[in-house]
Amino acid sequence: MYGMCNFNWKIEIWIFPTHDWMIEKFGKGIKYFRDISEYAQRNATENDVKEILDIIDRVKSYISEHSIDE
Protein backbone atom coordinates (compact mmCIF):
# COMPACT_ATOMS: atom_id res chain seq x y z
CA MET A 1 0.00 0.00 0.00
CA TYR A 2 1.40 3.38 -1.01
CA GLY A 3 2.55 5.52 1.87
CA MET A 4 3.07 2.64 4.28
CA CYS A 5 6.63 1.94 5.36
CA ASN A 6 7.99 -1.06 7.15
CA PHE A 7 11.41 -0.45 8.61
CA ASN A 8 13.59 -3.22 9.95
CA TRP A 9 16.37 -1.44 11.76
CA LYS A 10 19.62 -3.14 12.56
CA ILE A 11 22.19 -1.18 14.46
CA GLU A 12 25.79 -2.31 14.53
CA ILE A 13 28.33 -0.88 16.90
CA TRP A 14 31.95 -0.90 15.86
CA ILE A 15 34.54 -0.35 18.55
CA PHE A 16 37.96 0.23 17.11
CA PRO A 17 40.60 1.27 19.62
CA THR A 18 43.68 3.25 18.72
CA HIS A 19 46.93 2.07 20.23
CA ASP A 20 50.38 3.58 19.81
CA TRP A 21 51.62 0.49 17.96
CA MET A 22 48.91 0.96 15.34
CA ILE A 23 49.96 4.53 14.60
CA GLU A 24 53.66 3.60 14.62
CA LYS A 25 53.17 0.65 12.26
CA PHE A 26 50.47 1.97 9.92
CA GLY A 27 49.98 5.70 10.44
CA LYS A 28 46.96 7.58 11.68
CA GLY A 29 43.57 7.60 10.01
CA ILE A 30 40.56 5.55 9.01
CA LYS A 31 42.24 4.63 5.72
CA TYR A 32 44.43 2.17 7.64
CA PHE A 33 41.48 0.37 9.25
CA ARG A 34 41.63 -2.64 6.93
CA ASP A 35 45.41 -3.07 7.25
CA ILE A 36 45.27 -2.80 11.05
CA SER A 37 42.31 -5.18 11.26
CA GLU A 38 44.00 -7.81 9.08
CA TYR A 39 47.25 -7.51 11.03
CA ALA A 40 45.43 -7.82 14.36
CA GLN A 41 43.51 -10.90 13.20
CA ARG A 42 46.69 -12.62 12.02
CA ASN A 43 48.56 -11.82 15.23
CA ALA A 44 45.86 -12.13 17.90
CA THR A 45 46.61 -14.37 20.83
CA GLU A 46 44.06 -16.59 22.51
CA ASN A 47 43.98 -14.09 25.38
CA ASP A 48 43.25 -11.24 22.93
CA VAL A 49 40.28 -13.15 21.51
CA LYS A 50 38.93 -13.91 24.99
CA GLU A 51 39.22 -10.24 25.95
CA ILE A 52 37.37 -9.15 22.81
CA LEU A 53 34.58 -11.69 23.37
CA ASP A 54 34.25 -10.52 26.98
CA ILE A 55 33.92 -6.89 25.85
CA ILE A 56 31.28 -7.89 23.29
CA ASP A 57 29.26 -9.65 26.00
CA ARG A 58 29.53 -6.62 28.29
CA VAL A 59 28.39 -4.21 25.56
CA LYS A 60 25.45 -6.48 24.63
CA SER A 61 24.44 -6.73 28.27
CA TYR A 62 24.62 -2.97 28.75
CA ILE A 63 22.53 -2.31 25.65
CA SER A 64 20.00 -4.92 26.70
CA GLU A 65 19.68 -3.38 30.16
CA HIS A 66 19.33 0.16 28.80
CA SER A 67 17.17 -0.45 25.75
CA ILE A 68 14.06 1.59 25.14
CA ASP A 69 10.87 -0.46 25.21
CA GLU A 70 8.44 0.14 22.36
PDB file of N, CA and C in Angstrom:
ATOM      1  N   MET A   1       0.830  -1.168   0.000  1.00  0.00           N
ATOM      2  CA  MET A   1       0.000   0.000   0.000  1.00  0.00           C
ATOM      3  C   MET A   1       0.878   1.236   0.000  1.00  0.00           C
ATOM      4  N   TYR A   2       0.593   2.171  -0.864  1.00  0.00           N
ATOM      5  CA  TYR A   2       1.396   3.383  -1.010  1.00  0.00           C
ATOM      6  C   TYR A   2       1.354   4.211   0.272  1.00  0.00           C
ATOM      7  N   GLY A   3       2.484   4.692   0.675  1.00  0.00           N
ATOM      8  CA  GLY A   3       2.546   5.518   1.868  1.00  0.00           C
ATOM      9  C   GLY A   3       2.833   4.750   3.149  1.00  0.00           C
ATOM     10  N   MET A   4       2.783   3.451   3.094  1.00  0.00           N
ATOM     11  CA  MET A   4       3.074   2.643   4.279  1.00  0.00           C
ATOM     12  C   MET A   4       4.539   2.214   4.212  1.00  0.00           C
ATOM     13  N   CYS A   5       5.225   2.332   5.306  1.00  0.00           N
ATOM     14  CA  CYS A   5       6.630   1.935   5.357  1.00  0.00           C
ATOM     15  C   CYS A   5       6.816   0.898   6.457  1.00  0.00           C
ATOM     16  N   ASN A   6       7.629  -0.058   6.168  1.00  0.00           N
ATOM     17  CA  ASN A   6       7.986  -1.058   7.155  1.00  0.00           C
ATOM     18  C   ASN A   6       9.500  -1.035   7.289  1.00  0.00           C
ATOM     19  N   PHE A   7       9.968  -0.541   8.401  1.00  0.00           N
ATOM     20  CA  PHE A   7      11.409  -0.453   8.609  1.00  0.00           C
ATOM     21  C   PHE A   7      11.869  -1.576   9.515  1.00  0.00           C
ATOM     22  N   ASN A   8      12.888  -2.267   9.105  1.00  0.00           N
ATOM     23  CA  ASN A   8      13.592  -3.225   9.948  1.00  0.00           C
ATOM     24  C   ASN A   8      14.953  -2.620  10.225  1.00  0.00           C
ATOM     25  N   TRP A   9      15.117  -2.092  11.413  1.00  0.00           N
ATOM     26  CA  TRP A   9      16.370  -1.442  11.763  1.00  0.00           C
ATOM     27  C   TRP A   9      17.333  -2.441  12.380  1.00  0.00           C
ATOM     28  N   LYS A  10      18.554  -2.351  11.961  1.00  0.00           N
ATOM     29  CA  LYS A  10      19.624  -3.142  12.556  1.00  0.00           C
ATOM     30  C   LYS A  10      20.765  -2.186  12.843  1.00  0.00           C
ATOM     31  N   ILE A  11      21.117  -2.082  14.082  1.00  0.00           N
ATOM     32  CA  ILE A  11      22.191  -1.184  14.464  1.00  0.00           C
ATOM     33  C   ILE A  11      23.410  -2.024  14.807  1.00  0.00           C
ATOM     34  N   GLU A  12      24.528  -1.646  14.223  1.00  0.00           N
ATOM     35  CA  GLU A  12      25.790  -2.312  14.526  1.00  0.00           C
ATOM     36  C   GLU A  12      26.704  -1.306  15.184  1.00  0.00           C
ATOM     37  N   ILE A  13      27.376  -1.735  16.214  1.00  0.00           N
ATOM     38  CA  ILE A  13      28.333  -0.882  16.904  1.00  0.00           C
ATOM     39  C   ILE A  13      29.726  -1.415  16.616  1.00  0.00           C
ATOM     40  N   TRP A  14      30.558  -0.542  16.127  1.00  0.00           N
ATOM     41  CA  TRP A  14      31.946  -0.904  15.863  1.00  0.00           C
ATOM     42  C   TRP A  14      32.813  -0.178  16.872  1.00  0.00           C
ATOM     43  N   ILE A  15      33.584  -0.926  17.614  1.00  0.00           N
ATOM     44  CA  ILE A  15      34.538  -0.352  18.552  1.00  0.00           C
ATOM     45  C   ILE A  15      35.924  -0.651  17.992  1.00  0.00           C
ATOM     46  N   PHE A  16      36.625   0.406  17.679  1.00  0.00           N
ATOM     47  CA  PHE A  16      37.956   0.228  17.107  1.00  0.00           C
ATOM     48  C   PHE A  16      38.935   1.101  17.889  1.00  0.00           C
ATOM     49  N   PRO A  17      39.681   0.487  18.792  1.00  0.00           N
ATOM     50  CA  PRO A  17      40.603   1.270  19.623  1.00  0.00           C
ATOM     51  C   PRO A  17      41.796   1.759  18.810  1.00  0.00           C
ATOM     52  N   THR A  18      42.434   2.767  19.317  1.00  0.00           N
ATOM     53  CA  THR A  18      43.677   3.252  18.722  1.00  0.00           C
ATOM     54  C   THR A  18      44.785   3.062  19.749  1.00  0.00           C
ATOM     55  N   HIS A  19      45.774   2.296  19.372  1.00  0.00           N
ATOM     56  CA  HIS A  19      46.932   2.065  20.234  1.00  0.00           C
ATOM     57  C   HIS A  19      48.162   2.659  19.555  1.00  0.00           C
ATOM     58  N   ASP A  20      49.156   2.991  20.359  1.00  0.00           N
ATOM     59  CA  ASP A  20      50.384   3.581  19.812  1.00  0.00           C
ATOM     60  C   ASP A  20      51.012   2.705  18.732  1.00  0.00           C
ATOM     61  N   TRP A  21      50.996   1.374  18.950  1.00  0.00           N
ATOM     62  CA  TRP A  21      51.623   0.492  17.965  1.00  0.00           C
ATOM     63  C   TRP A  21      50.943   0.580  16.603  1.00  0.00           C
ATOM     64  N   MET A  22      49.645   0.845  16.602  1.00  0.00           N
ATOM     65  CA  MET A  22      48.914   0.963  15.336  1.00  0.00           C
ATOM     66  C   MET A  22      49.387   2.181  14.552  1.00  0.00           C
ATOM     67  N   ILE A  23      49.521   3.288  15.254  1.00  0.00           N
ATOM     68  CA  ILE A  23      49.958   4.526  14.598  1.00  0.00           C
ATOM     69  C   ILE A  23      51.405   4.382  14.132  1.00  0.00           C
ATOM     70  N   GLU A  24      52.254   3.784  14.974  1.00  0.00           N
ATOM     71  CA  GLU A  24      53.664   3.604  14.624  1.00  0.00           C
ATOM     72  C   GLU A  24      53.825   2.690  13.410  1.00  0.00           C
ATOM     73  N   LYS A  25      53.029   1.636  13.344  1.00  0.00           N
ATOM     74  CA  LYS A  25      53.175   0.652  12.264  1.00  0.00           C
ATOM     75  C   LYS A  25      52.458   1.058  10.980  1.00  0.00           C
ATOM     76  N   PHE A  26      51.292   1.714  11.103  1.00  0.00           N
ATOM     77  CA  PHE A  26      50.465   1.965   9.923  1.00  0.00           C
ATOM     78  C   PHE A  26      50.207   3.439   9.635  1.00  0.00           C
ATOM     79  N   GLY A  27      50.351   4.295  10.615  1.00  0.00           N
ATOM     80  CA  GLY A  27      49.983   5.698  10.444  1.00  0.00           C
ATOM     81  C   GLY A  27      48.644   5.954  11.099  1.00  0.00           C
ATOM     82  N   LYS A  28      48.190   7.198  11.006  1.00  0.00           N
ATOM     83  CA  LYS A  28      46.958   7.582  11.682  1.00  0.00           C
ATOM     84  C   LYS A  28      45.874   7.862  10.655  1.00  0.00           C
ATOM     85  N   GLY A  29      44.694   7.312  10.898  1.00  0.00           N
ATOM     86  CA  GLY A  29      43.569   7.599  10.013  1.00  0.00           C
ATOM     87  C   GLY A  29      42.750   6.367   9.697  1.00  0.00           C
ATOM     88  N   ILE A  30      41.514   6.625   9.309  1.00  0.00           N
ATOM     89  CA  ILE A  30      40.564   5.553   9.008  1.00  0.00           C
ATOM     90  C   ILE A  30      41.001   4.744   7.780  1.00  0.00           C
ATOM     91  N   LYS A  31      41.812   5.345   6.931  1.00  0.00           N
ATOM     92  CA  LYS A  31      42.237   4.633   5.718  1.00  0.00           C
ATOM     93  C   LYS A  31      43.091   3.404   6.027  1.00  0.00           C
ATOM     94  N   TYR A  32      43.602   3.317   7.256  1.00  0.00           N
ATOM     95  CA  TYR A  32      44.426   2.169   7.637  1.00  0.00           C
ATOM     96  C   TYR A  32      43.636   1.094   8.380  1.00  0.00           C
ATOM     97  N   PHE A  33      42.330   1.296   8.509  1.00  0.00           N
ATOM     98  CA  PHE A  33      41.480   0.374   9.249  1.00  0.00           C
ATOM     99  C   PHE A  33      41.635  -1.065   8.769  1.00  0.00           C
ATOM    100  N   ARG A  34      41.540  -1.281   7.476  1.00  0.00           N
ATOM    101  CA  ARG A  34      41.631  -2.644   6.933  1.00  0.00           C
ATOM    102  C   ARG A  34      42.985  -3.279   7.227  1.00  0.00           C
ATOM    103  N   ASP A  35      44.068  -2.532   7.008  1.00  0.00           N
ATOM    104  CA  ASP A  35      45.406  -3.072   7.254  1.00  0.00           C
ATOM    105  C   ASP A  35      45.597  -3.436   8.728  1.00  0.00           C
ATOM    106  N   ILE A  36      45.150  -2.543   9.612  1.00  0.00           N
ATOM    107  CA  ILE A  36      45.274  -2.798  11.046  1.00  0.00           C
ATOM    108  C   ILE A  36      44.432  -4.008  11.442  1.00  0.00           C
ATOM    109  N   SER A  37      43.211  -4.081  10.935  1.00  0.00           N
ATOM    110  CA  SER A  37      42.315  -5.180  11.256  1.00  0.00           C
ATOM    111  C   SER A  37      42.894  -6.518  10.804  1.00  0.00           C
ATOM    112  N   GLU A  38      43.400  -6.570   9.590  1.00  0.00           N
ATOM    113  CA  GLU A  38      43.999  -7.807   9.083  1.00  0.00           C
ATOM    114  C   GLU A  38      45.222  -8.204   9.900  1.00  0.00           C
ATOM    115  N   TYR A  39      46.057  -7.234  10.226  1.00  0.00           N
ATOM    116  CA  TYR A  39      47.247  -7.507  11.028  1.00  0.00           C
ATOM    117  C   TYR A  39      46.846  -8.055  12.404  1.00  0.00           C
ATOM    118  N   ALA A  40      45.872  -7.404  13.037  1.00  0.00           N
ATOM    119  CA  ALA A  40      45.430  -7.819  14.365  1.00  0.00           C
ATOM    120  C   ALA A  40      44.852  -9.234  14.333  1.00  0.00           C
ATOM    121  N   GLN A  41      44.084  -9.555  13.299  1.00  0.00           N
ATOM    122  CA  GLN A  41      43.511 -10.898  13.196  1.00  0.00           C
ATOM    123  C   GLN A  41      44.591 -11.953  13.034  1.00  0.00           C
ATOM    124  N   ARG A  42      45.593 -11.659  12.233  1.00  0.00           N
ATOM    125  CA  ARG A  42      46.688 -12.624  12.018  1.00  0.00           C
ATOM    126  C   ARG A  42      47.548 -12.819  13.259  1.00  0.00           C
ATOM    127  N   ASN A  43      47.626 -11.785  14.104  1.00  0.00           N
ATOM    128  CA  ASN A  43      48.558 -11.823  15.227  1.00  0.00           C
ATOM    129  C   ASN A  43      47.877 -11.886  16.595  1.00  0.00           C
ATOM    130  N   ALA A  44      46.584 -12.080  16.628  1.00  0.00           N
ATOM    131  CA  ALA A  44      45.861 -12.127  17.898  1.00  0.00           C
ATOM    132  C   ALA A  44      46.204 -13.394  18.666  1.00  0.00           C
ATOM    133  N   THR A  45      46.382 -13.226  19.955  1.00  0.00           N
ATOM    134  CA  THR A  45      46.608 -14.372  20.826  1.00  0.00           C
ATOM    135  C   THR A  45      45.262 -14.886  21.321  1.00  0.00           C
ATOM    136  N   GLU A  46      45.280 -16.038  21.936  1.00  0.00           N
ATOM    137  CA  GLU A  46      44.057 -16.595  22.510  1.00  0.00           C
ATOM    138  C   GLU A  46      43.503 -15.650  23.582  1.00  0.00           C
ATOM    139  N   ASN A  47      44.395 -15.044  24.348  1.00  0.00           N
ATOM    140  CA  ASN A  47      43.976 -14.091  25.382  1.00  0.00           C
ATOM    141  C   ASN A  47      43.318 -12.857  24.755  1.00  0.00           C
ATOM    142  N   ASP A  48      43.851 -12.379  23.633  1.00  0.00           N
ATOM    143  CA  ASP A  48      43.253 -11.241  22.927  1.00  0.00           C
ATOM    144  C   ASP A  48      41.819 -11.557  22.514  1.00  0.00           C
ATOM    145  N   VAL A  49      41.612 -12.738  21.965  1.00  0.00           N
ATOM    146  CA  VAL A  49      40.283 -13.148  21.505  1.00  0.00           C
ATOM    147  C   VAL A  49      39.325 -13.240  22.693  1.00  0.00           C
ATOM    148  N   LYS A  50      39.781 -13.817  23.797  1.00  0.00           N
ATOM    149  CA  LYS A  50      38.934 -13.914  24.995  1.00  0.00           C
ATOM    150  C   LYS A  50      38.550 -12.526  25.494  1.00  0.00           C
ATOM    151  N   GLU A  51      39.491 -11.603  25.493  1.00  0.00           N
ATOM    152  CA  GLU A  51      39.220 -10.239  25.951  1.00  0.00           C
ATOM    153  C   GLU A  51      38.189  -9.557  25.047  1.00  0.00           C
ATOM    154  N   ILE A  52      38.314  -9.739  23.758  1.00  0.00           N
ATOM    155  CA  ILE A  52      37.366  -9.149  22.805  1.00  0.00           C
ATOM    156  C   ILE A  52      35.971  -9.733  23.014  1.00  0.00           C
ATOM    157  N   LEU A  53      35.878 -11.051  23.153  1.00  0.00           N
ATOM    158  CA  LEU A  53      34.577 -11.686  23.365  1.00  0.00           C
ATOM    159  C   LEU A  53      33.938 -11.234  24.674  1.00  0.00           C
ATOM    160  N   ASP A  54      34.762 -11.017  25.706  1.00  0.00           N
ATOM    161  CA  ASP A  54      34.248 -10.516  26.980  1.00  0.00           C
ATOM    162  C   ASP A  54      33.684  -9.104  26.816  1.00  0.00           C
ATOM    163  N   ILE A  55      34.383  -8.260  26.086  1.00  0.00           N
ATOM    164  CA  ILE A  55      33.916  -6.893  25.855  1.00  0.00           C
ATOM    165  C   ILE A  55      32.610  -6.910  25.066  1.00  0.00           C
ATOM    166  N   ILE A  56      32.516  -7.772  24.074  1.00  0.00           N
ATOM    167  CA  ILE A  56      31.278  -7.891  23.285  1.00  0.00           C
ATOM    168  C   ILE A  56      30.111  -8.266  24.198  1.00  0.00           C
ATOM    169  N   ASP A  57      30.320  -9.242  25.069  1.00  0.00           N
ATOM    170  CA  ASP A  57      29.264  -9.654  25.996  1.00  0.00           C
ATOM    171  C   ASP A  57      28.857  -8.509  26.922  1.00  0.00           C
ATOM    172  N   ARG A  58      29.831  -7.737  27.395  1.00  0.00           N
ATOM    173  CA  ARG A  58      29.530  -6.623  28.291  1.00  0.00           C
ATOM    174  C   ARG A  58      28.755  -5.522  27.571  1.00  0.00           C
ATOM    175  N   VAL A  59      29.111  -5.233  26.339  1.00  0.00           N
ATOM    176  CA  VAL A  59      28.389  -4.209  25.563  1.00  0.00           C
ATOM    177  C   VAL A  59      26.961  -4.670  25.290  1.00  0.00           C
ATOM    178  N   LYS A  60      26.792  -5.937  24.875  1.00  0.00           N
ATOM    179  CA  LYS A  60      25.448  -6.479  24.634  1.00  0.00           C
ATOM    180  C   LYS A  60      24.597  -6.403  25.890  1.00  0.00           C
ATOM    181  N   SER A  61      25.166  -6.765  27.020  1.00  0.00           N
ATOM    182  CA  SER A  61      24.444  -6.728  28.275  1.00  0.00           C
ATOM    183  C   SER A  61      24.025  -5.304  28.626  1.00  0.00           C
ATOM    184  N   TYR A  62      24.933  -4.368  28.451  1.00  0.00           N
ATOM    185  CA  TYR A  62      24.625  -2.970  28.746  1.00  0.00           C
ATOM    186  C   TYR A  62      23.485  -2.467  27.869  1.00  0.00           C
ATOM    187  N   ILE A  63      23.570  -2.753  26.583  1.00  0.00           N
ATOM    188  CA  ILE A  63      22.528  -2.305  25.649  1.00  0.00           C
ATOM    189  C   ILE A  63      21.191  -2.945  26.005  1.00  0.00           C
ATOM    190  N   SER A  64      21.220  -4.219  26.329  1.00  0.00           N
ATOM    191  CA  SER A  64      20.000  -4.925  26.695  1.00  0.00           C
ATOM    192  C   SER A  64      19.358  -4.307  27.938  1.00  0.00           C
ATOM    193  N   GLU A  65      20.171  -3.963  28.911  1.00  0.00           N
ATOM    194  CA  GLU A  65      19.676  -3.382  30.163  1.00  0.00           C
ATOM    195  C   GLU A  65      19.177  -1.948  29.976  1.00  0.00           C
ATOM    196  N   HIS A  66      19.672  -1.255  28.981  1.00  0.00           N
ATOM    197  CA  HIS A  66      19.330   0.157  28.795  1.00  0.00           C
ATOM    198  C   HIS A  66      18.535   0.417  27.526  1.00  0.00           C
ATOM    199  N   SER A  67      17.931  -0.614  26.975  1.00  0.00           N
ATOM    200  CA  SER A  67      17.168  -0.449  25.749  1.00  0.00           C
ATOM    201  C   SER A  67      15.845   0.249  26.037  1.00  0.00           C
ATOM    202  N   ILE A  68      15.325   0.896  25.033  1.00  0.00           N
ATOM    203  CA  ILE A  68      14.056   1.595  25.143  1.00  0.00           C
ATOM    204  C   ILE A  68      12.955   0.636  24.701  1.00  0.00           C
ATOM    205  N   ASP A  69      11.992   0.410  25.551  1.00  0.00           N
ATOM    206  CA  ASP A  69      10.868  -0.462  25.207  1.00  0.00           C
ATOM    207  C   ASP A  69       9.925   0.273  24.278  1.00  0.00           C
ATOM    208  N   GLU A  70       9.403  -0.444  23.307  1.00  0.00           N
ATOM    209  CA  GLU A  70       8.445   0.143  22.360  1.00  0.00           C
ATOM    210  C   GLU A  70       7.060   0.160  22.942  1.00  0.00           C
TER     211      GLU A  70
END
